[in-house]
Amino acid sequence: MFEVMLFLGFVVLMLLAGISLLGVFIVLAVFAILFWLFGGLFVLAIKLLPWLALLLVVVWLYRAWQKPQQSR
């Protein structure tokens, strides 16, 4: 559903920006192909984002609690 809303918003913004209708159709064809190919990867990235943020916090806390190594 998110892809459809993004697709429609993209069309409206391009038409409001003054892009010709032929240009909009060409860009929409490319956009549709890219979402067809990579749409699942985009959804997967959105689903994994909270876990990646949690991992970032854990690594940051781990490094903060480690004693700095003394150089010899």
N, C-alpha and C. Protein backbone atom coordinates (compact mmCIF):
# COMPACT_ATOMS: atom_id res chain seq x y z
N MET A 1 0.82 -1.19 0.00
CA MET A 1 0.00 0.00 0.00
C MET A 1 0.87 1.27 0.00
N PHE A 2 2.00 1.19 0.71
CA PHE A 2 2.89 2.33 0.78
C PHE A 2 3.43 2.68 -0.60
N GLU A 3 3.74 1.67 -1.39
CA GLU A 3 4.27 1.92 -2.72
C GLU A 3 3.25 2.64 -3.59
N VAL A 4 1.98 2.28 -3.45
CA VAL A 4 0.93 2.92 -4.25
C VAL A 4 0.79 4.39 -3.87
N MET A 5 0.81 4.68 -2.57
CA MET A 5 0.70 6.07 -2.12
C MET A 5 1.91 6.88 -2.59
N LEU A 6 3.10 6.31 -2.51
CA LEU A 6 4.30 6.99 -2.98
C LEU A 6 4.24 7.22 -4.49
N PHE A 7 3.74 6.24 -5.20
CA PHE A 7 3.60 6.33 -6.66
C PHE A 7 2.65 7.46 -7.03
N LEU A 8 1.48 7.53 -6.39
CA LEU A 8 0.50 8.57 -6.70
C LEU A 8 1.01 9.95 -6.30
N GLY A 9 1.66 10.05 -5.17
CA GLY A 9 2.23 11.32 -4.74
C GLY A 9 3.30 11.80 -5.71
N PHE A 10 4.07 10.89 -6.21
CA PHE A 10 5.11 11.21 -7.18
C PHE A 10 4.51 11.76 -8.47
N VAL A 11 3.44 11.13 -8.94
CA VAL A 11 2.76 11.59 -10.16
C VAL A 11 2.21 13.00 -9.96
N VAL A 12 1.54 13.23 -8.86
CA VAL A 12 0.94 14.54 -8.60
C VAL A 12 2.02 15.61 -8.51
N LEU A 13 3.10 15.34 -7.80
CA LEU A 13 4.16 16.33 -7.67
C LEU A 13 4.83 16.64 -9.01
N MET A 14 5.01 15.63 -9.84
CA MET A 14 5.60 15.88 -11.16
C MET A 14 4.68 16.73 -12.03
N LEU A 15 3.37 16.44 -11.97
CA LEU A 15 2.44 17.24 -12.76
C LEU A 15 2.37 18.67 -12.24
N LEU A 16 2.41 18.85 -10.92
CA LEU A 16 2.39 20.19 -10.35
C LEU A 16 3.68 20.96 -10.64
N ALA A 17 4.78 20.24 -10.82
CA ALA A 17 6.07 20.89 -11.11
C ALA A 17 6.17 21.34 -12.56
N GLY A 18 5.23 20.92 -13.41
CA GLY A 18 5.23 21.37 -14.79
C GLY A 18 5.92 20.42 -15.75
N ILE A 19 6.17 19.19 -15.33
CA ILE A 19 6.75 18.20 -16.24
C ILE A 19 5.68 17.80 -17.26
N SER A 20 6.06 17.61 -18.51
CA SER A 20 5.08 17.25 -19.54
C SER A 20 4.51 15.87 -19.25
N LEU A 21 3.34 15.63 -19.81
CA LEU A 21 2.66 14.36 -19.56
C LEU A 21 3.46 13.18 -20.12
N LEU A 22 4.12 13.37 -21.24
CA LEU A 22 4.96 12.31 -21.81
C LEU A 22 6.13 12.01 -20.87
N GLY A 23 6.75 13.06 -20.33
CA GLY A 23 7.84 12.87 -19.36
C GLY A 23 7.37 12.15 -18.12
N VAL A 24 6.16 12.48 -17.66
CA VAL A 24 5.59 11.81 -16.48
C VAL A 24 5.40 10.32 -16.76
N PHE A 25 4.89 9.98 -17.94
CA PHE A 25 4.68 8.57 -18.28
C PHE A 25 6.00 7.80 -18.36
N ILE A 26 7.02 8.42 -18.92
CA ILE A 26 8.33 7.76 -19.02
C ILE A 26 8.91 7.52 -17.63
N VAL A 27 8.86 8.55 -16.80
CA VAL A 27 9.40 8.41 -15.44
C VAL A 27 8.58 7.41 -14.63
N LEU A 28 7.27 7.40 -14.82
CA LEU A 28 6.42 6.45 -14.10
C LEU A 28 6.71 5.01 -14.50
N ALA A 29 7.02 4.79 -15.77
CA ALA A 29 7.36 3.44 -16.21
C ALA A 29 8.65 2.98 -15.53
N VAL A 30 9.64 3.86 -15.49
CA VAL A 30 10.90 3.52 -14.82
C VAL A 30 10.67 3.30 -13.33
N PHE A 31 9.87 4.19 -12.73
CA PHE A 31 9.55 4.10 -11.30
C PHE A 31 8.84 2.78 -10.98
N ALA A 32 7.89 2.39 -11.83
CA ALA A 32 7.15 1.14 -11.61
C ALA A 32 8.06 -0.07 -11.71
N ILE A 33 8.97 -0.05 -12.68
CA ILE A 33 9.90 -1.18 -12.83
C ILE A 33 10.82 -1.27 -11.62
N LEU A 34 11.33 -0.12 -11.16
CA LEU A 34 12.21 -0.14 -10.00
C LEU A 34 11.50 -0.63 -8.74
N PHE A 35 10.25 -0.19 -8.53
CA PHE A 35 9.52 -0.66 -7.37
C PHE A 35 9.15 -2.13 -7.49
N TRP A 36 8.91 -2.59 -8.71
CA TRP A 36 8.62 -4.00 -8.90
C TRP A 36 9.84 -4.83 -8.55
N LEU A 37 11.02 -4.34 -8.95
CA LEU A 37 12.25 -5.07 -8.68
C LEU A 37 12.70 -4.95 -7.22
N PHE A 38 12.64 -3.72 -6.67
CA PHE A 38 13.22 -3.47 -5.37
C PHE A 38 12.20 -3.12 -4.29
N GLY A 39 10.91 -3.20 -4.59
CA GLY A 39 9.88 -2.85 -3.62
C GLY A 39 9.92 -3.71 -2.37
N GLY A 40 10.16 -4.99 -2.56
CA GLY A 40 10.24 -5.89 -1.41
C GLY A 40 11.44 -5.56 -0.54
N LEU A 41 12.53 -5.15 -1.15
CA LEU A 41 13.72 -4.78 -0.38
C LEU A 41 13.46 -3.52 0.42
N PHE A 42 12.68 -2.57 -0.14
CA PHE A 42 12.35 -1.33 0.56
C PHE A 42 11.52 -1.63 1.79
N VAL A 43 10.52 -2.50 1.65
CA VAL A 43 9.66 -2.87 2.78
C VAL A 43 10.49 -3.60 3.83
N LEU A 44 11.39 -4.46 3.41
CA LEU A 44 12.25 -5.17 4.35
C LEU A 44 13.13 -4.21 5.12
N ALA A 45 13.66 -3.19 4.45
CA ALA A 45 14.50 -2.20 5.13
C ALA A 45 13.70 -1.42 6.16
N ILE A 46 12.46 -1.07 5.84
CA ILE A 46 11.61 -0.35 6.80
C ILE A 46 11.31 -1.24 8.01
N LYS A 47 11.08 -2.51 7.78
CA LYS A 47 10.78 -3.42 8.89
C LYS A 47 12.02 -3.64 9.77
N LEU A 48 13.20 -3.61 9.18
CA LEU A 48 14.43 -3.85 9.94
C LEU A 48 14.98 -2.60 10.60
N LEU A 49 14.47 -1.43 10.25
CA LEU A 49 15.01 -0.17 10.76
C LEU A 49 15.03 -0.09 12.29
N PRO A 50 13.96 -0.47 13.01
CA PRO A 50 14.04 -0.42 14.48
C PRO A 50 15.12 -1.34 15.05
N TRP A 51 15.30 -2.50 14.46
CA TRP A 51 16.32 -3.43 14.94
C TRP A 51 17.72 -2.90 14.67
N LEU A 52 17.89 -2.24 13.53
CA LEU A 52 19.19 -1.64 13.23
C LEU A 52 19.49 -0.49 14.19
N ALA A 53 18.48 0.28 14.55
CA ALA A 53 18.67 1.36 15.51
C ALA A 53 19.01 0.79 16.88
N LEU A 54 18.35 -0.30 17.28
CA LEU A 54 18.67 -0.95 18.56
C LEU A 54 20.09 -1.47 18.56
N LEU A 55 20.52 -2.07 17.47
CA LEU A 55 21.89 -2.56 17.36
C LEU A 55 22.89 -1.42 17.47
N LEU A 56 22.59 -0.29 16.87
CA LEU A 56 23.45 0.87 16.95
C LEU A 56 23.59 1.36 18.40
N VAL A 57 22.49 1.39 19.14
CA VAL A 57 22.52 1.81 20.54
C VAL A 57 23.32 0.83 21.38
N VAL A 58 23.15 -0.46 21.14
CA VAL A 58 23.88 -1.47 21.91
C VAL A 58 25.38 -1.35 21.66
N VAL A 59 25.78 -1.18 20.43
CA VAL A 59 27.21 -1.04 20.12
C VAL A 59 27.76 0.24 20.74
N TRP A 60 26.99 1.31 20.69
CA TRP A 60 27.43 2.58 21.28
C TRP A 60 27.61 2.43 22.79
N LEU A 61 26.66 1.76 23.47
CA LEU A 61 26.79 1.54 24.91
C LEU A 61 27.97 0.63 25.23
N TYR A 62 28.17 -0.41 24.46
CA TYR A 62 29.29 -1.33 24.68
C TYR A 62 30.62 -0.59 24.57
N ARG A 63 30.76 0.24 23.55
CA ARG A 63 32.01 0.98 23.36
C ARG A 63 32.20 2.04 24.44
N ALA A 64 31.10 2.59 24.95
CA ALA A 64 31.19 3.60 26.00
C ALA A 64 31.64 2.98 27.32
N TRP A 65 31.25 1.73 27.56
CA TRP A 65 31.60 1.07 28.81
C TRP A 65 32.97 0.42 28.81
N GLN A 66 33.55 0.24 27.64
CA GLN A 66 34.89 -0.34 27.56
C GLN A 66 35.92 0.67 28.02
N LYS A 67 36.91 0.19 28.75
CA LYS A 67 37.99 1.08 29.17
C LYS A 67 38.88 1.35 27.96
N PRO A 68 39.32 2.57 27.82
CA PRO A 68 40.21 2.85 26.68
C PRO A 68 41.53 2.09 26.84
N GLN A 69 42.02 1.57 25.75
CA GLN A 69 43.29 0.84 25.76
C GLN A 69 44.44 1.84 25.91
N GLN A 70 45.36 1.52 26.80
CA GLN A 70 46.52 2.39 26.99
C GLN A 70 47.59 2.02 25.96
N SER A 71 48.11 3.03 25.31
CA SER A 71 49.16 2.77 24.33
C SER A 71 50.48 2.54 25.05
N ARG A 72 51.31 1.64 24.50
CA ARG A 72 52.58 1.30 25.15
C ARG A 72 53.73 1.99 24.49
